[in-house]
């Protein structure tokens, strides 16, 4: 059976409880003081950190401002130099363009002057050429007249010197001549034709004489072809011996030798008469 509490017991319990409460209050106050001190220390630390960060930020900002200002000054200097260089280049380009324009004007003026000079020279040359053409026309007319006269003289040469010489020279070589006919022509079908300068004839022999002022190898070859076709053009002489001869005012040695080797007589001018260049032992070719 529990014992009943007395007033003293209750008072003692109150006293103990109050004592514990006082100790708790004191401890709370001590803890509160420590907390305030800690908060104050923390605030002080935060303030110091803030001040340090502010100082560092300010230093960084000042350093960045200095770097930016330095970079801006360098950029401004380079921009100014670039503008100055561009302006200088533009001035030089304008000066070069002006020099080029002046040079172009000079060249064009010289070209125009040269063109005018060439035009004057061309006009003068045209006039000179026209004068020369007129002189040439006049000379051609004179030459044509001379050729016409020479044609008559050539006929006279053939008939006056070569024809009589043929009669004498062939007779001396054992071929008596009955007739000498100048410029004998014949035609065959298919536009074939033949012309003989001198046709020398006797009873059993016919001689074809080609007369040139200066016979060539080609003239000799042409006469050989003519001899080969003679009887086809002149069948009335088919049963006669056919001989060939070349006569000229001037005959080169190689042409004369070529004609003789081909079996032709060679008649050359000597003063006012004609002579046979063939030796006395020469045997002509007979067609």
C-alpha atoms as a PDB file:
ATOM      1  CA  UNK A   1       0.000   0.000   0.000  1.00  0.00           C
ATOM      2  CA  UNK A   2       1.516   3.324  -1.235  1.00  0.00           C
ATOM      3  CA  UNK A   3       2.640   5.871   1.245  1.00  0.00           C
ATOM      4  CA  UNK A   4       0.792   9.209   1.140  1.00  0.00           C
ATOM      5  CA  UNK A   5       2.722  12.341   0.019  1.00  0.00           C
ATOM      6  CA  UNK A   6       3.266  15.032   2.507  1.00  0.00           C
ATOM      7  CA  UNK A   7       3.631  18.760   2.081  1.00  0.00           C
ATOM      8  CA  UNK A   8       7.324  18.471   2.653  1.00  0.00           C
ATOM      9  CA  UNK A   9       7.583  15.857  -0.004  1.00  0.00           C
ATOM     10  CA  UNK A  10       5.791  18.077  -2.482  1.00  0.00           C
ATOM     11  CA  UNK A  11       7.950  21.077  -1.493  1.00  0.00           C
ATOM     12  CA  UNK A  12      11.121  19.087  -1.859  1.00  0.00           C
ATOM     13  CA  UNK A  13       9.948  17.838  -5.250  1.00  0.00           C
ATOM     14  CA  UNK A  14       9.204  21.431  -6.241  1.00  0.00           C
ATOM     15  CA  UNK A  15      12.567  22.524  -5.036  1.00  0.00           C
ATOM     16  CA  UNK A  16      14.341  19.857  -7.085  1.00  0.00           C
ATOM     17  CA  UNK A  17      12.276  20.621 -10.124  1.00  0.00           C
ATOM     18  CA  UNK A  18      12.999  24.311  -9.809  1.00  0.00           C
ATOM     19  CA  UNK A  19      16.661  23.539  -9.375  1.00  0.00           C
ATOM     20  CA  UNK A  20      16.696  21.462 -12.555  1.00  0.00           C
ATOM     21  CA  UNK A  21      14.762  24.178 -14.350  1.00  0.00           C
ATOM     22  CA  UNK A  22      17.243  26.809 -13.226  1.00  0.00           C
ATOM     23  CA  UNK A  23      20.138  24.712 -14.417  1.00  0.00           C
ATOM     24  CA  UNK A  24      18.377  24.148 -17.732  1.00  0.00           C
ATOM     25  CA  UNK A  25      17.738  27.867 -18.068  1.00  0.00           C
ATOM     26  CA  UNK A  26      21.363  28.625 -17.283  1.00  0.00           C
ATOM     27  CA  UNK A  27      22.516  26.041 -19.807  1.00  0.00           C
ATOM     28  CA  UNK A  28      20.120  27.500 -22.390  1.00  0.00           C
ATOM     29  CA  UNK A  29      21.455  30.951 -21.677  1.00  0.00           C
ATOM     30  CA  UNK A  30      25.004  29.668 -22.024  1.00  0.00           C
ATOM     31  CA  UNK A  31      24.117  27.935 -25.257  1.00  0.00           C
ATOM     32  CA  UNK A  32      22.375  31.107 -26.439  1.00  0.00           C
ATOM     33  CA  UNK A  33      25.467  33.137 -25.647  1.00  0.00           C
ATOM     34  CA  UNK A  34      27.630  30.623 -27.489  1.00  0.00           C
ATOM     35  CA  UNK A  35      25.160  30.702 -30.417  1.00  0.00           C
ATOM     36  CA  UNK A  36      25.244  34.479 -30.520  1.00  0.00           C
ATOM     37  CA  UNK A  37      29.006  34.367 -30.376  1.00  0.00           C
ATOM     38  CA  UNK A  38      29.052  31.777 -33.199  1.00  0.00           C
ATOM     39  CA  UNK A  39      26.612  33.856 -35.229  1.00  0.00           C
ATOM     40  CA  UNK A  40      28.702  36.926 -34.621  1.00  0.00           C
ATOM     41  CA  UNK A  41      31.840  35.041 -35.634  1.00  0.00           C
ATOM     42  CA  UNK A  42      30.016  33.673 -38.694  1.00  0.00           C
ATOM     43  CA  UNK A  43      28.806  37.146 -39.586  1.00  0.00           C
ATOM     44  CA  UNK A  44      32.316  38.457 -39.131  1.00  0.00           C
ATOM     45  CA  UNK A  45      33.681  35.640 -41.344  1.00  0.00           C
ATOM     46  CA  UNK A  46      30.988  36.295 -43.953  1.00  0.00           C
ATOM     47  CA  UNK A  47      31.722  39.996 -43.851  1.00  0.00           C
ATOM     48  CA  UNK A  48      35.434  39.310 -44.244  1.00  0.00           C
ATOM     49  CA  UNK A  49      34.735  36.902 -47.133  1.00  0.00           C
ATOM     50  CA  UNK A  50      32.427  39.453 -48.753  1.00  0.00           C
ATOM     51  CA  UNK A  51      35.018  42.165 -48.366  1.00  0.00           C
ATOM     52  CA  UNK A  52      37.718  39.853 -49.757  1.00  0.00           C
ATOM     53  CA  UNK A  53      35.471  38.844 -52.684  1.00  0.00           C
ATOM     54  CA  UNK A  54      34.595  42.499 -53.297  1.00  0.00           C
ATOM     55  CA  UNK A  55      38.283  43.392 -53.297  1.00  0.00           C
ATOM     56  CA  UNK A  56      39.066  40.466 -55.681  1.00  0.00           C
ATOM     57  CA  UNK A  57      36.122  41.373 -57.952  1.00  0.00           C
ATOM     58  CA  UNK A  58      37.211  45.006 -57.979  1.00  0.00           C
ATOM     59  CA  UNK A  59      40.775  43.980 -58.775  1.00  0.00           C
ATOM     60  CA  UNK A  60      39.577  41.662 -61.568  1.00  0.00           C
ATOM     61  CA  UNK A  61      37.271  44.357 -62.910  1.00  0.00           C
ATOM     62  CA  UNK A  62      40.083  46.903 -62.854  1.00  0.00           C
ATOM     63  CA  UNK A  63      42.436  44.411 -64.569  1.00  0.00           C
ATOM     64  CA  UNK A  64      39.791  43.609 -67.213  1.00  0.00           C
ATOM     65  CA  UNK A  65      39.099  47.316 -67.703  1.00  0.00           C
ATOM     66  CA  UNK A  66      42.809  47.929 -68.159  1.00  0.00           C
ATOM     67  CA  UNK A  67      43.086  45.012 -70.632  1.00  0.00           C
ATOM     68  CA  UNK A  68      39.980  46.156 -72.491  1.00  0.00           C
ATOM     69  CA  UNK A  69      41.286  49.716 -72.644  1.00  0.00           C
ATOM     70  CA  UNK A  70      44.668  48.476 -73.900  1.00  0.00           C
ATOM     71  CA  UNK A  71      42.991  46.271 -76.496  1.00  0.00           C
ATOM     72  CA  UNK A  72      40.701  49.128 -77.507  1.00  0.00           C
ATOM     73  CA  UNK A  73      43.688  51.434 -77.905  1.00  0.00           C
ATOM     74  CA  UNK A  74      45.506  48.807 -80.017  1.00  0.00           C
ATOM     75  CA  UNK A  75      42.373  48.218 -82.130  1.00  0.00           C
ATOM     76  CA  UNK A  76      41.823  51.961 -82.503  1.00  0.00           C
ATOM     77  CA  UNK A  77      45.476  52.339 -83.570  1.00  0.00           C
ATOM     78  CA  UNK A  78      45.210  49.485 -86.066  1.00  0.00           C
ATOM     79  CA  UNK A  79      41.896  50.797 -87.378  1.00  0.00           C
ATOM     80  CA  UNK A  80      43.450  54.221 -87.823  1.00  0.00           C
ATOM     81  CA  UNK A  81      46.480  52.701 -89.555  1.00  0.00           C
ATOM     82  CA  UNK A  82      44.166  50.639 -91.760  1.00  0.00           C
ATOM     83  CA  UNK A  83      42.181  53.728 -92.714  1.00  0.00           C
ATOM     84  CA  UNK A  84      45.408  55.593 -93.430  1.00  0.00           C
ATOM     85  CA  UNK A  85      46.715  52.637 -95.514  1.00  0.00           C
ATOM     86  CA  UNK A  86      43.416  52.408 -97.390  1.00  0.00           C
ATOM     87  CA  UNK A  87      43.493  56.123 -98.054  1.00  0.00           C
ATOM     88  CA  UNK A  88      47.126  55.889 -99.226  1.00  0.00           C
ATOM     89  CA  UNK A  89      46.305  52.881-101.467  1.00  0.00           C
ATOM     90  CA  UNK A  90      43.290  54.723-102.876  1.00  0.00           C
ATOM     91  CA  UNK A  91      45.463  57.754-103.635  1.00  0.00           C
ATOM     92  CA  UNK A  92      48.101  55.578-105.272  1.00  0.00           C
ATOM     93  CA  UNK A  93      45.415  53.691-107.244  1.00  0.00           C
ATOM     94  CA  UNK A  94      43.921  56.987-108.361  1.00  0.00           C
ATOM     95  CA  UNK A  95      47.380  58.231-109.332  1.00  0.00           C
ATOM     96  CA  UNK A  96      48.073  54.984-111.272  1.00  0.00           C
ATOM     97  CA  UNK A  97      44.701  55.254-112.974  1.00  0.00           C
ATOM     98  CA  UNK A  98      45.428  58.828-113.941  1.00  0.00           C
ATOM     99  CA  UNK A  99      48.863  57.818-115.288  1.00  0.00           C
ATOM    100  CA  UNK A 100      47.267  54.940-117.214  1.00  0.00           C
ATOM    101  CA  UNK A 101      44.638  57.277-118.629  1.00  0.00           C
ATOM    102  CA  UNK A 102      47.294  59.763-119.662  1.00  0.00           C
ATOM    103  CA  UNK A 103      49.363  56.955-121.218  1.00  0.00           C
ATOM    104  CA  UNK A 104      46.256  55.652-123.012  1.00  0.00           C
ATOM    105  CA  UNK A 105      45.514  59.142-124.322  1.00  0.00           C
ATOM    106  CA  UNK A 106      49.140  59.468-125.452  1.00  0.00           C
ATOM    107  CA  UNK A 107      49.071  56.073-127.182  1.00  0.00           C
ATOM    108  CA  UNK A 108      45.734  56.864-128.804  1.00  0.00           C
ATOM    109  CA  UNK A 109      47.072  60.211-130.015  1.00  0.00           C
ATOM    110  CA  UNK A 110      50.208  58.550-131.365  1.00  0.00           C
ATOM    111  CA  UNK A 111      48.095  55.775-132.902  1.00  0.00           C
ATOM    112  CA  UNK A 112      45.791  58.307-134.478  1.00  0.00           C
ATOM    113  CA  UNK A 113      48.783  60.248-135.768  1.00  0.00           C
ATOM    114  CA  UNK A 114      50.343  57.006-137.062  1.00  0.00           C
ATOM    115  CA  UNK A 115      47.028  56.020-138.648  1.00  0.00           C
ATOM    116  CA  UNK A 116      46.770  59.401-140.327  1.00  0.00           C
ATOM    117  CA  UNK A 117      50.374  59.071-141.501  1.00  0.00           C
ATOM    118  CA  UNK A 118      49.728  55.554-142.790  1.00  0.00           C
ATOM    119  CA  UNK A 119      46.551  56.796-144.440  1.00  0.00           C
ATOM    120  CA  UNK A 120      48.520  59.570-146.136  1.00  0.00           C
ATOM    121  CA  UNK A 121      51.230  57.094-147.112  1.00  0.00           C
ATOM    122  CA  UNK A 122      48.563  54.662-148.343  1.00  0.00           C
ATOM    123  CA  UNK A 123      46.904  57.387-150.388  1.00  0.00           C
ATOM    124  CA  UNK A 124      50.292  58.344-151.774  1.00  0.00           C
ATOM    125  CA  UNK A 125      51.103  54.687-152.493  1.00  0.00           C
ATOM    126  CA  UNK A 126      47.685  54.221-154.096  1.00  0.00           C
ATOM    127  CA  UNK A 127      48.376  57.246-156.256  1.00  0.00           C
ATOM    128  CA  UNK A 128      51.853  55.920-157.028  1.00  0.00           C
ATOM    129  CA  UNK A 129      50.418  52.447-157.743  1.00  0.00           C
ATOM    130  CA  UNK A 130      47.746  53.971-159.962  1.00  0.00           C
ATOM    131  CA  UNK A 131      50.458  55.891-161.790  1.00  0.00           C
ATOM    132  CA  UNK A 132      52.521  52.717-162.115  1.00  0.00           C
ATOM    133  CA  UNK A 133      49.444  50.825-163.347  1.00  0.00           C
ATOM    134  CA  UNK A 134      48.921  53.485-165.956  1.00  0.00           C
ATOM    135  CA  UNK A 135      52.588  53.305-166.904  1.00  0.00           C
ATOM    136  CA  UNK A 136      52.354  49.509-166.960  1.00  0.00           C
ATOM    137  CA  UNK A 137      49.278  49.688-169.171  1.00  0.00           C
ATOM    138  CA  UNK A 138      51.188  51.979-171.462  1.00  0.00           C
ATOM    139  CA  UNK A 139      54.186  49.645-171.440  1.00  0.00           C
ATOM    140  CA  UNK A 140      51.926  46.661-172.083  1.00  0.00           C
ATOM    141  CA  UNK A 141      50.493  48.478-175.061  1.00  0.00           C
ATOM    142  CA  UNK A 142      53.989  49.279-176.250  1.00  0.00           C
ATOM    143  CA  UNK A 143      55.124  45.682-175.650  1.00  0.00           C
ATOM    144  CA  UNK A 144      52.045  44.401-177.462  1.00  0.00           C
ATOM    145  CA  UNK A 145      52.946  46.624-180.361  1.00  0.00           C
ATOM    146  CA  UNK A 146      56.527  45.401-180.227  1.00  0.00           C
ATOM    147  CA  UNK A 147      55.364  41.802-179.972  1.00  0.00           C
ATOM    148  CA  UNK A 148      53.173  42.327-182.967  1.00  0.00           C
ATOM    149  CA  UNK A 149      56.101  43.766-184.811  1.00  0.00           C
ATOM    150  CA  UNK A 150      58.325  41.005-183.457  1.00  0.00           C
ATOM    151  CA  UNK A 151      55.853  38.434-184.720  1.00  0.00           C
ATOM    152  CA  UNK A 152      56.304  39.859-188.146  1.00  0.00           C
ATOM    153  CA  UNK A 153      60.050  39.991-187.642  1.00  0.00           C
ATOM    154  CA  UNK A 154      60.023  36.416-186.322  1.00  0.00           C
ATOM    155  CA  UNK A 155      58.269  35.293-189.446  1.00  0.00           C
ATOM    156  CA  UNK A 156      60.878  37.184-191.399  1.00  0.00           C
ATOM    157  CA  UNK A 157      63.614  35.437-189.355  1.00  0.00           C
ATOM    158  CA  UNK A 158      62.105  32.001-190.009  1.00  0.00           C
ATOM    159  CA  UNK A 159      61.485  32.634-193.687  1.00  0.00           C
ATOM    160  CA  UNK A 160      64.533  34.835-194.354  1.00  0.00           C
ATOM    161  CA  UNK A 161      67.280  32.930-192.501  1.00  0.00           C
ATOM    162  CA  UNK A 162      66.212  29.456-191.361  1.00  0.00           C
ATOM    163  CA  UNK A 163      64.287  28.400-194.480  1.00  0.00           C
ATOM    164  CA  UNK A 164      67.063  29.226-196.946  1.00  0.00           C
ATOM    165  CA  UNK A 165      69.673  27.733-194.603  1.00  0.00           C
ATOM    166  CA  UNK A 166      67.685  24.465-194.472  1.00  0.00           C
ATOM    167  CA  UNK A 167      67.855  24.109-198.217  1.00  0.00           C
ATOM    168  CA  UNK A 168      71.640  24.560-198.215  1.00  0.00           C
ATOM    169  CA  UNK A 169      72.515  22.673-195.026  1.00  0.00           C
ATOM    170  CA  UNK A 170      70.354  19.619-195.693  1.00  0.00           C
ATOM    171  CA  UNK A 171      71.695  19.474-199.273  1.00  0.00           C
ATOM    172  CA  UNK A 172      75.241  19.498-197.889  1.00  0.00           C
ATOM    173  CA  UNK A 173      74.341  16.451-195.740  1.00  0.00           C
ATOM    174  CA  UNK A 174      73.038  14.534-198.782  1.00  0.00           C
ATOM    175  CA  UNK A 175      69.365  15.497-198.555  1.00  0.00           C
ATOM    176  CA  UNK A 176      68.507  17.632-201.591  1.00  0.00           C
ATOM    177  CA  UNK A 177      65.482  19.820-200.858  1.00  0.00           C
ATOM    178  CA  UNK A 178      62.578  20.398-203.217  1.00  0.00           C
ATOM    179  CA  UNK A 179      60.332  22.564-201.002  1.00  0.00           C
ATOM    180  CA  UNK A 180      60.431  24.437-197.670  1.00  0.00           C
ATOM    181  CA  UNK A 181      57.006  25.354-196.271  1.00  0.00           C
ATOM    182  CA  UNK A 182      56.589  27.584-193.154  1.00  0.00           C
ATOM    183  CA  UNK A 183      53.812  27.177-190.541  1.00  0.00           C
ATOM    184  CA  UNK A 184      52.149  23.953-191.685  1.00  0.00           C
ATOM    185  CA  UNK A 185      49.072  22.955-189.631  1.00  0.00           C
ATOM    186  CA  UNK A 186      46.879  19.869-189.372  1.00  0.00           C
ATOM    187  CA  UNK A 187      43.891  18.770-187.279  1.00  0.00           C
ATOM    188  CA  UNK A 188      42.448  15.438-186.150  1.00  0.00           C
ATOM    189  CA  UNK A 189      39.234  14.534-184.300  1.00  0.00           C
ATOM    190  CA  UNK A 190      38.984  15.058-180.527  1.00  0.00           C
ATOM    191  CA  UNK A 191      40.540  18.516-180.826  1.00  0.00           C
ATOM    192  CA  UNK A 192      43.991  17.189-181.756  1.00  0.00           C
ATOM    193  CA  UNK A 193      46.172  19.509-183.770  1.00  0.00           C
ATOM    194  CA  UNK A 194      49.766  19.924-184.934  1.00  0.00           C
ATOM    195  CA  UNK A 195      51.731  22.927-186.164  1.00  0.00           C
ATOM    196  CA  UNK A 196      55.151  22.733-187.817  1.00  0.00           C
ATOM    197  CA  UNK A 197      57.348  25.797-188.048  1.00  0.00           C
ATOM    198  CA  UNK A 198      59.162  24.611-191.187  1.00  0.00           C
ATOM    199  CA  UNK A 199      58.403  21.534-193.290  1.00  0.00           C
ATOM    200  CA  UNK A 200      61.371  20.576-195.505  1.00  0.00           C
ATOM    201  CA  UNK A 201      60.450  18.118-198.303  1.00  0.00           C
ATOM    202  CA  UNK A 202      62.176  16.163-201.084  1.00  0.00           C
ATOM    203  CA  UNK A 203      61.140  13.065-203.010  1.00  0.00           C
ATOM    204  CA  UNK A 204      61.826  10.480-200.281  1.00  0.00           C
ATOM    205  CA  UNK A 205      62.439  12.550-197.109  1.00  0.00           C
ATOM    206  CA  UNK A 206      60.580  15.007-194.894  1.00  0.00           C
ATOM    207  CA  UNK A 207      62.283  17.122-192.188  1.00  0.00           C
ATOM    208  CA  UNK A 208      60.362  18.876-189.386  1.00  0.00           C
ATOM    209  CA  UNK A 209      62.193  21.969-188.128  1.00  0.00           C
ATOM    210  CA  UNK A 210      61.220  23.524-184.749  1.00  0.00           C
ATOM    211  CA  UNK A 211      62.346  27.162-184.601  1.00  0.00           C
ATOM    212  CA  UNK A 212      62.808  28.929-181.200  1.00  0.00           C
ATOM    213  CA  UNK A 213      64.725  31.985-180.142  1.00  0.00           C
ATOM    214  CA  UNK A 214      66.268  29.913-177.302  1.00  0.00           C
ATOM    215  CA  UNK A 215      65.223  26.243-177.345  1.00  0.00           C
ATOM    216  CA  UNK A 216      64.899  24.340-174.038  1.00  0.00           C
ATOM    217  CA  UNK A 217      64.842  20.667-173.073  1.00  0.00           C
ATOM    218  CA  UNK A 218      61.046  20.878-172.988  1.00  0.00           C
ATOM    219  CA  UNK A 219      61.012  22.259-176.542  1.00  0.00           C
ATOM    220  CA  UNK A 220      63.175  19.336-177.703  1.00  0.00           C
ATOM    221  CA  UNK A 221      60.917  16.810-175.937  1.00  0.00           C
ATOM    222  CA  UNK A 222      57.845  18.401-177.470  1.00  0.00           C
ATOM    223  CA  UNK A 223      59.389  18.210-180.946  1.00  0.00           C
ATOM    224  CA  UNK A 224      60.236  14.521-180.436  1.00  0.00           C
ATOM    225  CA  UNK A 225      56.580  13.851-179.620  1.00  0.00           C
ATOM    226  CA  UNK A 226      55.569  15.804-182.697  1.00  0.00           C
ATOM    227  CA  UNK A 227      57.873  13.693-184.863  1.00  0.00           C
ATOM    228  CA  UNK A 228      56.376  10.481-183.447  1.00  0.00           C
ATOM    229  CA  UNK A 229      52.833  11.604-184.407  1.00  0.00           C
ATOM    230  CA  UNK A 230      53.679  13.323-187.707  1.00  0.00           C
ATOM    231  CA  UNK A 231      52.566  10.542-190.082  1.00  0.00           C
ATOM    232  CA  UNK A 232      49.252  10.243-188.223  1.00  0.00           C
ATOM    233  CA  UNK A 233      48.549  13.929-188.897  1.00  0.00           C
ATOM    234  CA  UNK A 234      50.064  13.904-192.386  1.00  0.00           C
ATOM    235  CA  UNK A 235      49.315  10.451-193.889  1.00  0.00           C
ATOM    236  CA  UNK A 236      50.375  11.708-197.319  1.00  0.00           C
ATOM    237  CA  UNK A 237      53.974  11.396-196.094  1.00  0.00           C
ATOM    238  CA  UNK A 238      53.498   7.929-194.599  1.00  0.00           C
ATOM    239  CA  UNK A 239      55.999   6.295-196.985  1.00  0.00           C
ATOM    240  CA  UNK A 240      58.772   8.890-196.596  1.00  0.00           C
ATOM    241  CA  UNK A 241      61.575   9.067-194.113  1.00  0.00           C
ATOM    242  CA  UNK A 242      60.996  11.661-191.426  1.00  0.00           C
ATOM    243  CA  UNK A 243      63.879  13.616-189.897  1.00  0.00           C
ATOM    244  CA  UNK A 244      63.877  16.243-187.160  1.00  0.00           C
ATOM    245  CA  UNK A 245      65.763  19.484-186.548  1.00  0.00           C
ATOM    246  CA  UNK A 246      65.826  22.263-183.965  1.00  0.00           C
ATOM    247  CA  UNK A 247      66.849  25.821-184.909  1.00  0.00           C
ATOM    248  CA  UNK A 248      67.513  28.743-182.601  1.00  0.00           C
ATOM    249  CA  UNK A 249      69.179  32.091-182.282  1.00  0.00           C
ATOM    250  CA  UNK A 250      70.818  31.000-179.010  1.00  0.00           C
ATOM    251  CA  UNK A 251      71.103  27.330-177.982  1.00  0.00           C
ATOM    252  CA  UNK A 252      72.777  26.310-174.745  1.00  0.00           C
ATOM    253  CA  UNK A 253      75.387  23.567-174.980  1.00  0.00           C
ATOM    254  CA  UNK A 254      73.447  21.064-172.837  1.00  0.00           C
ATOM    255  CA  UNK A 255      70.260  21.592-174.885  1.00  0.00           C
ATOM    256  CA  UNK A 256      72.190  21.214-178.146  1.00  0.00           C
ATOM    257  CA  UNK A 257      73.837  18.013-176.917  1.00  0.00           C
ATOM    258  CA  UNK A 258      70.471  16.660-175.692  1.00  0.00           C
ATOM    259  CA  UNK A 259      68.899  17.270-179.132  1.00  0.00           C
ATOM    260  CA  UNK A 260      71.797  15.650-180.982  1.00  0.00           C
ATOM    261  CA  UNK A 261      71.737  12.592-178.689  1.00  0.00           C
ATOM    262  CA  UNK A 262      68.023  12.293-179.520  1.00  0.00           C
ATOM    263  CA  UNK A 263      68.926  12.132-183.253  1.00  0.00           C
ATOM    264  CA  UNK A 264      68.004  15.701-184.250  1.00  0.00           C
ATOM    265  CA  UNK A 265      69.858  18.186-186.428  1.00  0.00           C
ATOM    266  CA  UNK A 266      70.705  21.425-184.599  1.00  0.00           C
ATOM    267  CA  UNK A 267      70.793  24.708-186.516  1.00  0.00           C
ATOM    268  CA  UNK A 268      72.383  27.716-184.781  1.00  0.00           C
ATOM    269  CA  UNK A 269      72.710  31.328-185.849  1.00  0.00           C
ATOM    270  CA  UNK A 270      76.154  32.548-186.801  1.00  0.00           C
ATOM    271  CA  UNK A 271      76.202  36.148-187.917  1.00  0.00           C
ATOM    272  CA  UNK A 272      73.816  36.601-190.802  1.00  0.00           C
ATOM    273  CA  UNK A 273      73.475  32.908-191.539  1.00  0.00           C
ATOM    274  CA  UNK A 274      72.705  29.512-189.900  1.00  0.00           C
ATOM    275  CA  UNK A 275      75.110  26.639-189.304  1.00  0.00           C
ATOM    276  CA  UNK A 276      74.678  22.970-188.407  1.00  0.00           C
ATOM    277  CA  UNK A 277      76.133  22.222-184.990  1.00  0.00           C
ATOM    278  CA  UNK A 278      76.202  18.464-185.752  1.00  0.00           C
ATOM    279  CA  UNK A 279      79.502  16.887-186.735  1.00  0.00           C
ATOM    280  CA  UNK A 280      80.031  15.556-190.269  1.00  0.00           C
ATOM    281  CA  UNK A 281      79.753  11.983-188.944  1.00  0.00           C
ATOM    282  CA  UNK A 282      76.387  12.622-187.275  1.00  0.00           C
ATOM    283  CA  UNK A 283      73.677  10.077-188.214  1.00  0.00           C
ATOM    284  CA  UNK A 284      70.126  11.441-187.741  1.00  0.00           C
ATOM    285  CA  UNK A 285      67.280   9.360-186.334  1.00  0.00           C
ATOM    286  CA  UNK A 286      64.625   8.412-188.871  1.00  0.00           C
ATOM    287  CA  UNK A 287      60.940   8.151-187.953  1.00  0.00           C
END
